[in-house]
């Protein structure tokens, strides 16, 4: 792989990481801490939604983001022809 392709690959990887970490931050800190009061007006499974995000939702989103990142990286690996054979 040429140095330019390596730089493009790394730039795309960092872009994916940045977006996914922002999503994780918004869900875990934003919904679980900052927006907890407005979200508590909505109930999910008998619990206030703000409480749910603080206790369970951020964990579920984090696990989902791991799978999203794996899928994105597989596609990026194929795009740059560095996939596992």
C-alpha atoms as a PDB file:
ATOM      1  CA  UNK A   1       0.000   0.000   0.000  1.00  0.00           C
ATOM      2  CA  UNK A   2       1.355   3.410  -0.917  1.00  0.00           C
ATOM      3  CA  UNK A   3       1.881   6.075   1.731  1.00  0.00           C
ATOM      4  CA  UNK A   4      -0.991   8.138   0.256  1.00  0.00           C
ATOM      5  CA  UNK A   5      -3.376   5.182   0.501  1.00  0.00           C
ATOM      6  CA  UNK A   6      -2.229   4.522   4.067  1.00  0.00           C
ATOM      7  CA  UNK A   7      -2.944   8.135   4.989  1.00  0.00           C
ATOM      8  CA  UNK A   8      -6.397   7.960   3.350  1.00  0.00           C
ATOM      9  CA  UNK A   9      -7.133   4.689   5.140  1.00  0.00           C
ATOM     10  CA  UNK A  10      -6.099   6.127   8.507  1.00  0.00           C
ATOM     11  CA  UNK A  11      -8.070   9.330   7.883  1.00  0.00           C
ATOM     12  CA  UNK A  12     -11.213   7.312   7.123  1.00  0.00           C
ATOM     13  CA  UNK A  13     -10.627   5.184  10.229  1.00  0.00           C
ATOM     14  CA  UNK A  14     -10.296   8.289  12.416  1.00  0.00           C
ATOM     15  CA  UNK A  15     -13.445   9.759  10.865  1.00  0.00           C
ATOM     16  CA  UNK A  16     -15.387   6.588  11.763  1.00  0.00           C
ATOM     17  CA  UNK A  17     -13.981   6.630  15.303  1.00  0.00           C
ATOM     18  CA  UNK A  18     -14.818  10.301  15.787  1.00  0.00           C
ATOM     19  CA  UNK A  19     -18.424   9.925  14.646  1.00  0.00           C
ATOM     20  CA  UNK A  20     -19.001   6.772  16.694  1.00  0.00           C
ATOM     21  CA  UNK A  21     -17.455   8.276  19.830  1.00  0.00           C
ATOM     22  CA  UNK A  22     -19.633  11.365  19.441  1.00  0.00           C
ATOM     23  CA  UNK A  23     -22.717   9.134  19.190  1.00  0.00           C
ATOM     24  CA  UNK A  24     -21.607   7.219  22.288  1.00  0.00           C
ATOM     25  CA  UNK A  25     -20.970  10.458  24.209  1.00  0.00           C
ATOM     26  CA  UNK A  26     -24.340  11.940  23.262  1.00  0.00           C
ATOM     27  CA  UNK A  27     -26.185   8.787  24.295  1.00  0.00           C
ATOM     28  CA  UNK A  28     -24.300   8.082  27.512  1.00  0.00           C
ATOM     29  CA  UNK A  29     -23.643  11.585  28.825  1.00  0.00           C
ATOM     30  CA  UNK A  30     -26.227  13.630  26.946  1.00  0.00           C
ATOM     31  CA  UNK A  31     -29.245  11.360  27.412  1.00  0.00           C
ATOM     32  CA  UNK A  32     -28.147   9.804  30.693  1.00  0.00           C
ATOM     33  CA  UNK A  33     -27.067  12.977  32.500  1.00  0.00           C
ATOM     34  CA  UNK A  34     -27.875  16.254  30.745  1.00  0.00           C
ATOM     35  CA  UNK A  35     -31.298  15.402  29.306  1.00  0.00           C
ATOM     36  CA  UNK A  36     -32.429  13.058  32.053  1.00  0.00           C
ATOM     37  CA  UNK A  37     -35.252  15.275  33.339  1.00  0.00           C
ATOM     38  CA  UNK A  38     -37.064  15.770  30.000  1.00  0.00           C
ATOM     39  CA  UNK A  39     -36.562  12.095  29.121  1.00  0.00           C
ATOM     40  CA  UNK A  40     -38.001  10.987  32.463  1.00  0.00           C
ATOM     41  CA  UNK A  41     -41.414  12.185  31.247  1.00  0.00           C
ATOM     42  CA  UNK A  42     -41.379   9.188  28.865  1.00  0.00           C
ATOM     43  CA  UNK A  43     -41.576   5.670  30.294  1.00  0.00           C
ATOM     44  CA  UNK A  44     -40.027   2.549  28.776  1.00  0.00           C
ATOM     45  CA  UNK A  45     -40.923  -0.767  30.358  1.00  0.00           C
ATOM     46  CA  UNK A  46     -42.242   0.987  33.439  1.00  0.00           C
ATOM     47  CA  UNK A  47     -39.054   2.985  34.010  1.00  0.00           C
ATOM     48  CA  UNK A  48     -38.360   6.621  33.142  1.00  0.00           C
ATOM     49  CA  UNK A  49     -36.491   6.859  29.843  1.00  0.00           C
ATOM     50  CA  UNK A  50     -33.729   9.021  31.354  1.00  0.00           C
ATOM     51  CA  UNK A  51     -33.057   6.378  33.996  1.00  0.00           C
ATOM     52  CA  UNK A  52     -33.128   3.671  31.322  1.00  0.00           C
ATOM     53  CA  UNK A  53     -30.518   5.483  29.205  1.00  0.00           C
ATOM     54  CA  UNK A  54     -28.303   6.042  32.238  1.00  0.00           C
ATOM     55  CA  UNK A  55     -28.491   2.393  33.341  1.00  0.00           C
ATOM     56  CA  UNK A  56     -29.028   0.268  30.226  1.00  0.00           C
ATOM     57  CA  UNK A  57     -29.386   2.311  27.059  1.00  0.00           C
ATOM     58  CA  UNK A  58     -25.832   3.576  26.896  1.00  0.00           C
ATOM     59  CA  UNK A  59     -24.512   0.012  27.298  1.00  0.00           C
ATOM     60  CA  UNK A  60     -26.752  -1.299  24.514  1.00  0.00           C
ATOM     61  CA  UNK A  61     -25.739   1.558  22.242  1.00  0.00           C
ATOM     62  CA  UNK A  62     -22.062   0.937  23.009  1.00  0.00           C
ATOM     63  CA  UNK A  63     -22.366  -2.744  22.061  1.00  0.00           C
ATOM     64  CA  UNK A  64     -24.249  -1.797  18.891  1.00  0.00           C
ATOM     65  CA  UNK A  65     -21.508   0.703  18.021  1.00  0.00           C
ATOM     66  CA  UNK A  66     -18.912  -2.058  18.288  1.00  0.00           C
ATOM     67  CA  UNK A  67     -20.773  -4.042  15.621  1.00  0.00           C
ATOM     68  CA  UNK A  68     -21.231  -0.919  13.477  1.00  0.00           C
ATOM     69  CA  UNK A  69     -17.494  -0.175  13.722  1.00  0.00           C
ATOM     70  CA  UNK A  70     -16.609  -3.751  12.767  1.00  0.00           C
ATOM     71  CA  UNK A  71     -18.884  -3.564   9.717  1.00  0.00           C
ATOM     72  CA  UNK A  72     -17.501  -0.170   8.701  1.00  0.00           C
ATOM     73  CA  UNK A  73     -13.925  -1.376   9.057  1.00  0.00           C
ATOM     74  CA  UNK A  74     -14.619  -4.530   7.030  1.00  0.00           C
ATOM     75  CA  UNK A  75     -16.010  -2.356   4.250  1.00  0.00           C
ATOM     76  CA  UNK A  76     -13.035   0.017   4.517  1.00  0.00           C
ATOM     77  CA  UNK A  77     -10.599  -2.908   4.411  1.00  0.00           C
ATOM     78  CA  UNK A  78     -12.229  -4.160   1.219  1.00  0.00           C
ATOM     79  CA  UNK A  79     -12.203  -0.683  -0.271  1.00  0.00           C
ATOM     80  CA  UNK A  80      -8.460  -0.342   0.349  1.00  0.00           C
ATOM     81  CA  UNK A  81      -7.756  -4.002  -0.446  1.00  0.00           C
ATOM     82  CA  UNK A  82      -6.340  -4.812   2.970  1.00  0.00           C
ATOM     83  CA  UNK A  83      -9.048  -7.254   3.984  1.00  0.00           C
ATOM     84  CA  UNK A  84      -8.370 -10.566   5.614  1.00  0.00           C
ATOM     85  CA  UNK A  85      -8.359 -13.405   3.123  1.00  0.00           C
END
